[in-house]
Amino acid sequence: MQKIFFASDFHLGIDGHLPARDRERQVVRWLDAIAPQAQAIYLVGDLFEFWFEYRTVIPKGFSRFLGKLAELRDGGIPIHVFIGNHDLWMFGYFEQELGIPVYRQPLQITLGSKRFFIAHGDGLGPNDRGYKLMKKVFHHPWSQWLFRWLHPDIGIRLAAYSSERSRRAMPSEERHWLGEQREWLLQYAHRKIEQGVEPDFFVFGHRHLPIDWQLKNGKSRYINLGEWIYACSFAEFDGEQMRLKFFECEGQIIRNKPE
């Protein structure tokens, strides 16, 4: 039976439960493992800790991962990539070199018999006005033009430093489940339902927690794909059922109803 697979937040380029290069190999092993069953693969943002495409240069590294994506695409498996807050500066490399579409806005799509709302999740939901303003700055063509003029050795080092500072500044409580009333992506899903958007599955990354939550309308489920720095979680859809799983790791899924 062919299945559709979803994963996000590989954050390739930084260490986690494994050194960065070993974790890249782990992601490649996962892609090899699912390929025989894969009808399609959705990679929902933050594949890299940092990514910026200069006109003729892409960041060093990731050759195993990019090569595997090229191999799977050449083998006929559709792959879809969403930008995240760490790899938003994608300007055409994936489309032109790998034949992989890149999505910059939420995608509403029907897969099998189910409707999906898919997005990385950064900048959605209430509050976090500071980040939303910063996101607009990063998306502005002038910001991208100015950064492009930095030598890659300087620009990538500066971005790595900024990313590390941001990670350390995250309040410790946000690394854990905040409760239904404070989980902003869950609240965003409820707001979309109130606006008449009622897919079977809201699928997000960004939150770094594997979550499977039945929403108040009794129909829609909020699925957060978790991350691969430690949890190595992903989702598998067989045309009817959507399940969160773990690859070569053990983890706990946050849910409000038994599976």
C-alpha atoms as a PDB file:
ATOM      1  CA  MET A   1       0.000   0.000   0.000  1.00  0.00           C
ATOM      2  CA  GLN A   2       1.385   3.401  -0.944  1.00  0.00           C
ATOM      3  CA  LYS A   3       1.454   6.071   1.736  1.00  0.00           C
ATOM      4  CA  ILE A   4       2.116   9.785   2.071  1.00  0.00           C
ATOM      5  CA  PHE A   5       4.782  10.861   4.538  1.00  0.00           C
ATOM      6  CA  PHE A   6       5.260  14.149   6.395  1.00  0.00           C
ATOM      7  CA  ALA A   7       8.262  15.397   8.369  1.00  0.00           C
ATOM      8  CA  SER A   8       9.712  18.727   9.434  1.00  0.00           C
ATOM      9  CA  ASP A   9      12.414  20.401  11.486  1.00  0.00           C
ATOM     10  CA  PHE A  10      15.456  18.318  10.579  1.00  0.00           C
ATOM     11  CA  HIS A  11      17.585  21.410  11.375  1.00  0.00           C
ATOM     12  CA  LEU A  12      20.487  19.895   9.476  1.00  0.00           C
ATOM     13  CA  GLY A  13      23.729  21.621  10.336  1.00  0.00           C
ATOM     14  CA  ILE A  14      23.551  21.516  14.151  1.00  0.00           C
ATOM     15  CA  ASP A  15      24.210  18.728  16.636  1.00  0.00           C
ATOM     16  CA  GLY A  16      21.414  17.041  18.562  1.00  0.00           C
ATOM     17  CA  HIS A  17      20.981  13.493  19.796  1.00  0.00           C
ATOM     18  CA  LEU A  18      23.554  12.713  17.111  1.00  0.00           C
ATOM     19  CA  PRO A  19      26.336  14.862  15.644  1.00  0.00           C
ATOM     20  CA  ALA A  20      25.086  16.895  12.700  1.00  0.00           C
ATOM     21  CA  ARG A  21      26.538  14.703   9.953  1.00  0.00           C
ATOM     22  CA  ASP A  22      25.362  11.483  11.590  1.00  0.00           C
ATOM     23  CA  ARG A  23      21.859  12.923  11.866  1.00  0.00           C
ATOM     24  CA  GLU A  24      21.944  13.777   8.172  1.00  0.00           C
ATOM     25  CA  ARG A  25      22.751  10.110   7.530  1.00  0.00           C
ATOM     26  CA  GLN A  26      19.815   9.174   9.754  1.00  0.00           C
ATOM     27  CA  VAL A  27      17.436  11.346   7.711  1.00  0.00           C
ATOM     28  CA  VAL A  28      18.759   9.665   4.551  1.00  0.00           C
ATOM     29  CA  ARG A  29      18.139   6.229   6.108  1.00  0.00           C
ATOM     30  CA  TRP A  30      14.570   7.305   6.854  1.00  0.00           C
ATOM     31  CA  LEU A  31      14.073   8.416   3.251  1.00  0.00           C
ATOM     32  CA  ASP A  32      15.449   5.073   2.051  1.00  0.00           C
ATOM     33  CA  ALA A  33      13.121   3.221   4.426  1.00  0.00           C
ATOM     34  CA  ILE A  34       9.936   4.979   3.296  1.00  0.00           C
ATOM     35  CA  ALA A  35      10.763   5.206  -0.426  1.00  0.00           C
ATOM     36  CA  PRO A  36       9.296   1.784  -1.412  1.00  0.00           C
ATOM     37  CA  GLN A  37       5.907   2.804   0.052  1.00  0.00           C
ATOM     38  CA  ALA A  38       5.962   6.538  -0.694  1.00  0.00           C
ATOM     39  CA  GLN A  39       3.279   7.968  -2.922  1.00  0.00           C
ATOM     40  CA  ALA A  40       4.528  11.448  -1.955  1.00  0.00           C
ATOM     41  CA  ILE A  41       6.704  13.142   0.689  1.00  0.00           C
ATOM     42  CA  TYR A  42       5.959  16.490   2.340  1.00  0.00           C
ATOM     43  CA  LEU A  43       8.864  18.201   4.132  1.00  0.00           C
ATOM     44  CA  VAL A  44       7.275  20.959   6.165  1.00  0.00           C
ATOM     45  CA  GLY A  45      10.026  23.489   6.858  1.00  0.00           C
ATOM     46  CA  ASP A  46      13.269  24.027   8.761  1.00  0.00           C
ATOM     47  CA  LEU A  47      15.063  21.293   6.881  1.00  0.00           C
ATOM     48  CA  PHE A  48      18.260  23.230   7.552  1.00  0.00           C
ATOM     49  CA  GLU A  49      19.434  25.244  10.511  1.00  0.00           C
ATOM     50  CA  PHE A  50      20.297  27.913   7.958  1.00  0.00           C
ATOM     51  CA  TRP A  51      19.941  28.154   4.192  1.00  0.00           C
ATOM     52  CA  PHE A  52      20.637  31.018   1.809  1.00  0.00           C
ATOM     53  CA  GLU A  53      20.965  30.721  -1.944  1.00  0.00           C
ATOM     54  CA  TYR A  54      23.452  33.094  -3.509  1.00  0.00           C
ATOM     55  CA  ARG A  55      23.295  33.334  -7.286  1.00  0.00           C
ATOM     56  CA  THR A  56      25.911  30.618  -7.831  1.00  0.00           C
ATOM     57  CA  VAL A  57      26.492  29.306  -4.291  1.00  0.00           C
ATOM     58  CA  ILE A  58      24.507  27.242  -1.807  1.00  0.00           C
ATOM     59  CA  PRO A  59      25.639  26.462   1.771  1.00  0.00           C
ATOM     60  CA  LYS A  60      28.365  23.854   2.171  1.00  0.00           C
ATOM     61  CA  GLY A  61      27.300  20.404   3.344  1.00  0.00           C
ATOM     62  CA  PHE A  62      24.035  18.450   3.061  1.00  0.00           C
ATOM     63  CA  SER A  63      25.335  16.560   0.007  1.00  0.00           C
ATOM     64  CA  ARG A  64      23.922  13.221   1.219  1.00  0.00           C
ATOM     65  CA  PHE A  65      20.505  14.727   1.904  1.00  0.00           C
ATOM     66  CA  LEU A  66      20.283  16.707  -1.342  1.00  0.00           C
ATOM     67  CA  GLY A  67      21.576  13.750  -3.329  1.00  0.00           C
ATOM     68  CA  LYS A  68      18.928  11.480  -1.821  1.00  0.00           C
ATOM     69  CA  LEU A  69      16.168  13.975  -2.658  1.00  0.00           C
ATOM     70  CA  ALA A  70      17.421  14.098  -6.251  1.00  0.00           C
ATOM     71  CA  GLU A  71      17.489  10.281  -6.410  1.00  0.00           C
ATOM     72  CA  LEU A  72      13.924   9.972  -5.115  1.00  0.00           C
ATOM     73  CA  ARG A  73      12.642  12.634  -7.512  1.00  0.00           C
ATOM     74  CA  ASP A  74      14.413  10.955 -10.433  1.00  0.00           C
ATOM     75  CA  GLY A  75      12.715   7.762  -9.315  1.00  0.00           C
ATOM     76  CA  GLY A  76       9.306   9.402  -9.707  1.00  0.00           C
ATOM     77  CA  ILE A  77       8.379  10.167  -6.079  1.00  0.00           C
ATOM     78  CA  PRO A  78       6.766  13.626  -5.717  1.00  0.00           C
ATOM     79  CA  ILE A  79       8.423  15.692  -2.977  1.00  0.00           C
ATOM     80  CA  HIS A  80       7.028  18.952  -1.628  1.00  0.00           C
ATOM     81  CA  VAL A  81       9.045  21.393   0.488  1.00  0.00           C
ATOM     82  CA  PHE A  82       7.809  24.243   2.682  1.00  0.00           C
ATOM     83  CA  ILE A  83      10.043  27.051   3.862  1.00  0.00           C
ATOM     84  CA  GLY A  84      10.478  27.491   7.602  1.00  0.00           C
ATOM     85  CA  ASN A  85      11.837  30.317   9.695  1.00  0.00           C
ATOM     86  CA  HIS A  86      15.384  28.878   9.470  1.00  0.00           C
ATOM     87  CA  ASP A  87      15.448  28.206   5.717  1.00  0.00           C
ATOM     88  CA  LEU A  88      13.157  30.872   4.286  1.00  0.00           C
ATOM     89  CA  TRP A  89      15.746  32.129   1.797  1.00  0.00           C
ATOM     90  CA  MET A  90      15.070  29.570  -0.913  1.00  0.00           C
ATOM     91  CA  PHE A  91      15.118  31.244  -4.305  1.00  0.00           C
ATOM     92  CA  GLY A  92      14.868  28.497  -6.936  1.00  0.00           C
ATOM     93  CA  TYR A  93      17.539  25.871  -6.333  1.00  0.00           C
ATOM     94  CA  PHE A  94      15.087  23.168  -5.271  1.00  0.00           C
ATOM     95  CA  GLU A  95      12.762  23.857  -8.191  1.00  0.00           C
ATOM     96  CA  GLN A  96      15.473  24.178 -10.858  1.00  0.00           C
ATOM     97  CA  GLU A  97      17.991  21.545  -9.739  1.00  0.00           C
ATOM     98  CA  LEU A  98      15.806  18.976  -7.990  1.00  0.00           C
ATOM     99  CA  GLY A  99      12.364  19.466  -9.531  1.00  0.00           C
ATOM    100  CA  ILE A 100      10.847  20.005  -6.088  1.00  0.00           C
ATOM    101  CA  PRO A 101       8.184  22.698  -5.592  1.00  0.00           C
ATOM    102  CA  VAL A 102       8.689  25.050  -2.643  1.00  0.00           C
ATOM    103  CA  TYR A 103       5.685  26.513  -0.779  1.00  0.00           C
ATOM    104  CA  ARG A 104       5.850  29.863   0.973  1.00  0.00           C
ATOM    105  CA  GLN A 105       2.223  30.004   2.106  1.00  0.00           C
ATOM    106  CA  PRO A 106      -0.108  27.468   3.743  1.00  0.00           C
ATOM    107  CA  LEU A 107      -1.351  24.818   1.341  1.00  0.00           C
ATOM    108  CA  GLN A 108      -4.902  23.454   1.331  1.00  0.00           C
ATOM    109  CA  ILE A 109      -5.084  20.178  -0.572  1.00  0.00           C
ATOM    110  CA  THR A 110      -7.082  16.956  -0.778  1.00  0.00           C
ATOM    111  CA  LEU A 111      -5.073  13.749  -0.405  1.00  0.00           C
ATOM    112  CA  GLY A 112      -6.920  10.495  -0.732  1.00  0.00           C
ATOM    113  CA  SER A 113     -10.322  11.094   0.809  1.00  0.00           C
ATOM    114  CA  LYS A 114      -9.112  13.691   3.327  1.00  0.00           C
ATOM    115  CA  ARG A 115      -8.561  17.445   3.248  1.00  0.00           C
ATOM    116  CA  PHE A 116      -5.316  18.917   4.561  1.00  0.00           C
ATOM    117  CA  PHE A 117      -4.137  22.355   5.678  1.00  0.00           C
ATOM    118  CA  ILE A 118      -0.323  22.284   5.661  1.00  0.00           C
ATOM    119  CA  ALA A 119       2.131  24.972   6.804  1.00  0.00           C
ATOM    120  CA  HIS A 120       5.370  25.224   8.743  1.00  0.00           C
ATOM    121  CA  GLY A 121       3.602  27.308  11.377  1.00  0.00           C
ATOM    122  CA  ASP A 122       5.944  30.206  12.120  1.00  0.00           C
ATOM    123  CA  GLY A 123       4.183  33.548  12.428  1.00  0.00           C
ATOM    124  CA  LEU A 124       0.729  31.980  12.644  1.00  0.00           C
ATOM    125  CA  GLY A 125      -1.615  32.344  15.574  1.00  0.00           C
ATOM    126  CA  PRO A 126      -1.988  35.207  18.062  1.00  0.00           C
ATOM    127  CA  ASN A 127       0.777  37.308  19.636  1.00  0.00           C
ATOM    128  CA  ASP A 128       4.487  37.085  18.748  1.00  0.00           C
ATOM    129  CA  ARG A 129       4.282  40.456  16.999  1.00  0.00           C
ATOM    130  CA  GLY A 130       8.045  40.926  17.230  1.00  0.00           C
ATOM    131  CA  TYR A 131       8.722  37.808  15.190  1.00  0.00           C
ATOM    132  CA  LYS A 132       6.014  38.656  12.664  1.00  0.00           C
ATOM    133  CA  LEU A 133       7.666  42.037  12.072  1.00  0.00           C
ATOM    134  CA  MET A 134      11.082  40.418  11.768  1.00  0.00           C
ATOM    135  CA  LYS A 135       9.668  37.891   9.299  1.00  0.00           C
ATOM    136  CA  LYS A 136       8.431  40.711   7.079  1.00  0.00           C
ATOM    137  CA  VAL A 137      11.918  42.233   7.166  1.00  0.00           C
ATOM    138  CA  PHE A 138      13.570  38.931   6.234  1.00  0.00           C
ATOM    139  CA  HIS A 139      11.129  38.440   3.348  1.00  0.00           C
ATOM    140  CA  HIS A 140      11.684  41.925   1.981  1.00  0.00           C
ATOM    141  CA  PRO A 141      13.705  41.964  -1.284  1.00  0.00           C
ATOM    142  CA  TRP A 142      15.980  44.742   0.027  1.00  0.00           C
ATOM    143  CA  SER A 143      16.986  42.653   3.057  1.00  0.00           C
ATOM    144  CA  GLN A 144      17.776  39.706   0.820  1.00  0.00           C
ATOM    145  CA  TRP A 145      19.724  41.923  -1.596  1.00  0.00           C
ATOM    146  CA  LEU A 146      21.837  43.390   1.206  1.00  0.00           C
ATOM    147  CA  PHE A 147      22.581  39.984   2.735  1.00  0.00           C
ATOM    148  CA  ARG A 148      23.578  38.633  -0.678  1.00  0.00           C
ATOM    149  CA  TRP A 149      26.419  41.159  -0.778  1.00  0.00           C
ATOM    150  CA  LEU A 150      28.024  39.615   2.303  1.00  0.00           C
ATOM    151  CA  HIS A 151      30.691  37.045   1.560  1.00  0.00           C
ATOM    152  CA  PRO A 152      29.173  33.585   2.260  1.00  0.00           C
ATOM    153  CA  ASP A 153      31.775  32.876   4.961  1.00  0.00           C
ATOM    154  CA  ILE A 154      30.639  36.012   6.789  1.00  0.00           C
ATOM    155  CA  GLY A 155      26.917  35.745   6.079  1.00  0.00           C
ATOM    156  CA  ILE A 156      26.572  32.091   7.086  1.00  0.00           C
ATOM    157  CA  ARG A 157      28.677  32.579  10.229  1.00  0.00           C
ATOM    158  CA  LEU A 158      26.548  35.584  11.191  1.00  0.00           C
ATOM    159  CA  ALA A 159      23.353  33.611  10.621  1.00  0.00           C
ATOM    160  CA  ALA A 160      24.642  30.675  12.690  1.00  0.00           C
ATOM    161  CA  TYR A 161      25.474  33.020  15.569  1.00  0.00           C
ATOM    162  CA  SER A 162      22.031  34.642  15.386  1.00  0.00           C
ATOM    163  CA  SER A 163      20.295  31.262  15.296  1.00  0.00           C
ATOM    164  CA  GLU A 164      22.186  30.012  18.357  1.00  0.00           C
ATOM    165  CA  ARG A 165      21.351  33.152  20.316  1.00  0.00           C
ATOM    166  CA  SER A 166      17.685  32.842  19.392  1.00  0.00           C
ATOM    167  CA  ARG A 167      17.610  29.193  20.468  1.00  0.00           C
ATOM    168  CA  ARG A 168      19.166  30.004  23.856  1.00  0.00           C
ATOM    169  CA  ALA A 169      16.764  32.892  24.399  1.00  0.00           C
ATOM    170  CA  MET A 170      13.670  30.682  24.042  1.00  0.00           C
ATOM    171  CA  PRO A 171      11.853  30.525  27.409  1.00  0.00           C
ATOM    172  CA  SER A 172      12.309  27.070  28.946  1.00  0.00           C
ATOM    173  CA  GLU A 173       8.535  26.629  29.348  1.00  0.00           C
ATOM    174  CA  GLU A 174       8.042  26.807  25.588  1.00  0.00           C
ATOM    175  CA  ARG A 175      10.058  23.613  25.191  1.00  0.00           C
ATOM    176  CA  HIS A 176       7.127  21.747  26.738  1.00  0.00           C
ATOM    177  CA  TRP A 177       3.389  21.379  26.151  1.00  0.00           C
ATOM    178  CA  LEU A 178       1.731  24.619  27.276  1.00  0.00           C
ATOM    179  CA  GLY A 179      -1.843  23.383  27.525  1.00  0.00           C
ATOM    180  CA  GLU A 180      -4.674  23.713  25.029  1.00  0.00           C
ATOM    181  CA  GLN A 181      -5.384  27.357  25.835  1.00  0.00           C
ATOM    182  CA  ARG A 182      -1.758  28.477  25.305  1.00  0.00           C
ATOM    183  CA  GLU A 183      -0.639  26.420  22.329  1.00  0.00           C
ATOM    184  CA  TRP A 184      -0.747  29.106  19.636  1.00  0.00           C
ATOM    185  CA  LEU A 185      -0.885  26.816  16.593  1.00  0.00           C
ATOM    186  CA  LEU A 186      -3.750  24.906  18.143  1.00  0.00           C
ATOM    187  CA  GLN A 187      -5.547  28.204  18.747  1.00  0.00           C
ATOM    188  CA  TYR A 188      -4.822  29.199  15.140  1.00  0.00           C
ATOM    189  CA  ALA A 189      -6.482  25.963  13.965  1.00  0.00           C
ATOM    190  CA  HIS A 190      -9.559  26.728  16.078  1.00  0.00           C
ATOM    191  CA  ARG A 191      -9.703  30.226  14.576  1.00  0.00           C
ATOM    192  CA  LYS A 192      -9.541  28.840  11.026  1.00  0.00           C
ATOM    193  CA  ILE A 193     -12.429  26.483  11.849  1.00  0.00           C
ATOM    194  CA  GLU A 194     -14.464  29.466  13.075  1.00  0.00           C
ATOM    195  CA  GLN A 195     -13.744  31.104   9.700  1.00  0.00           C
ATOM    196  CA  GLY A 196     -15.155  28.069   7.876  1.00  0.00           C
ATOM    197  CA  VAL A 197     -11.880  26.270   7.108  1.00  0.00           C
ATOM    198  CA  GLU A 198     -12.444  22.704   8.333  1.00  0.00           C
ATOM    199  CA  PRO A 199      -9.918  20.249   6.920  1.00  0.00           C
ATOM    200  CA  ASP A 200      -9.566  16.765   8.315  1.00  0.00           C
ATOM    201  CA  PHE A 201      -5.969  17.547   9.284  1.00  0.00           C
ATOM    202  CA  PHE A 202      -4.061  20.695  10.166  1.00  0.00           C
ATOM    203  CA  VAL A 203      -0.414  19.679   9.684  1.00  0.00           C
ATOM    204  CA  PHE A 204       2.329  21.911  11.108  1.00  0.00           C
ATOM    205  CA  GLY A 205       5.958  21.775  12.157  1.00  0.00           C
ATOM    206  CA  HIS A 206       7.836  24.518  14.025  1.00  0.00           C
ATOM    207  CA  ARG A 207       6.592  23.606  17.518  1.00  0.00           C
ATOM    208  CA  HIS A 208       9.118  20.744  18.000  1.00  0.00           C
ATOM    209  CA  LEU A 209       6.553  18.587  19.794  1.00  0.00           C
ATOM    210  CA  PRO A 210       4.786  15.550  18.269  1.00  0.00           C
ATOM    211  CA  ILE A 211       1.103  16.361  18.839  1.00  0.00           C
ATOM    212  CA  ASP A 212      -2.112  14.664  17.695  1.00  0.00           C
ATOM    213  CA  TRP A 213      -5.046  16.716  19.012  1.00  0.00           C
ATOM    214  CA  GLN A 214      -8.743  16.302  18.243  1.00  0.00           C
ATOM    215  CA  LEU A 215     -10.194  19.787  17.732  1.00  0.00           C
ATOM    216  CA  LYS A 216     -13.438  21.114  19.150  1.00  0.00           C
ATOM    217  CA  ASN A 217     -15.464  20.681  15.971  1.00  0.00           C
ATOM    218  CA  GLY A 218     -15.128  16.910  16.411  1.00  0.00           C
ATOM    219  CA  LYS A 219     -13.860  16.464  12.859  1.00  0.00           C
ATOM    220  CA  SER A 220     -10.490  18.128  12.433  1.00  0.00           C
ATOM    221  CA  ARG A 221      -7.212  17.024  14.006  1.00  0.00           C
ATOM    222  CA  TYR A 222      -4.188  19.171  14.716  1.00  0.00           C
ATOM    223  CA  ILE A 223      -1.011  17.259  13.867  1.00  0.00           C
ATOM    224  CA  ASN A 224       2.373  18.683  14.792  1.00  0.00           C
ATOM    225  CA  LEU A 225       5.196  16.723  13.234  1.00  0.00           C
ATOM    226  CA  GLY A 226       7.722  17.315  16.018  1.00  0.00           C
ATOM    227  CA  GLU A 227      11.423  17.487  15.136  1.00  0.00           C
ATOM    228  CA  TRP A 228      14.589  15.508  14.404  1.00  0.00           C
ATOM    229  CA  ILE A 229      17.102  17.164  16.713  1.00  0.00           C
ATOM    230  CA  TYR A 230      16.015  14.663  19.396  1.00  0.00           C
ATOM    231  CA  ALA A 231      12.616  13.054  18.671  1.00  0.00           C
ATOM    232  CA  CYS A 232      12.936  11.899  15.016  1.00  0.00           C
ATOM    233  CA  SER A 233       9.169  11.994  14.548  1.00  0.00           C
ATOM    234  CA  PHE A 234       7.139  11.928  11.340  1.00  0.00           C
ATOM    235  CA  ALA A 235       3.573  11.292  10.162  1.00  0.00           C
ATOM    236  CA  GLU A 236       2.288   8.565   7.872  1.00  0.00           C
ATOM    237  CA  PHE A 237      -1.007   8.801   5.965  1.00  0.00           C
ATOM    238  CA  ASP A 238      -2.464   5.692   4.333  1.00  0.00           C
ATOM    239  CA  GLY A 239      -5.373   7.386   2.569  1.00  0.00           C
ATOM    240  CA  GLU A 240      -7.657   7.234   5.588  1.00  0.00           C
ATOM    241  CA  GLN A 241      -5.639   7.222   8.807  1.00  0.00           C
ATOM    242  CA  MET A 242      -2.914   9.649   9.905  1.00  0.00           C
ATOM    243  CA  ARG A 243      -0.391   8.395  12.464  1.00  0.00           C
ATOM    244  CA  LEU A 244       2.632   9.923  14.157  1.00  0.00           C
ATOM    245  CA  LYS A 245       5.659   7.629  14.380  1.00  0.00           C
ATOM    246  CA  PHE A 246       9.324   7.707  15.383  1.00  0.00           C
ATOM    247  CA  PHE A 247      12.389   6.581  13.431  1.00  0.00           C
ATOM    248  CA  GLU A 248      15.262   4.972  15.339  1.00  0.00           C
ATOM    249  CA  CYS A 249      14.152   6.924  18.423  1.00  0.00           C
ATOM    250  CA  GLU A 250      11.592   6.612  21.171  1.00  0.00           C
ATOM    251  CA  GLY A 251       9.249   9.462  21.959  1.00  0.00           C
ATOM    252  CA  GLN A 252       5.925  10.444  23.427  1.00  0.00           C
ATOM    253  CA  ILE A 253       2.979  11.828  21.448  1.00  0.00           C
ATOM    254  CA  ILE A 254       0.855  14.500  23.079  1.00  0.00           C
ATOM    255  CA  ARG A 255      -2.808  13.702  22.453  1.00  0.00           C
ATOM    256  CA  ASN A 256      -6.196  14.307  24.008  1.00  0.00           C
ATOM    257  CA  LYS A 257      -7.791  11.055  22.825  1.00  0.00           C
ATOM    258  CA  PRO A 258      -6.452   7.488  22.700  1.00  0.00           C
ATOM    259  CA  GLU A 259      -5.180   6.342  19.308  1.00  0.00           C
END
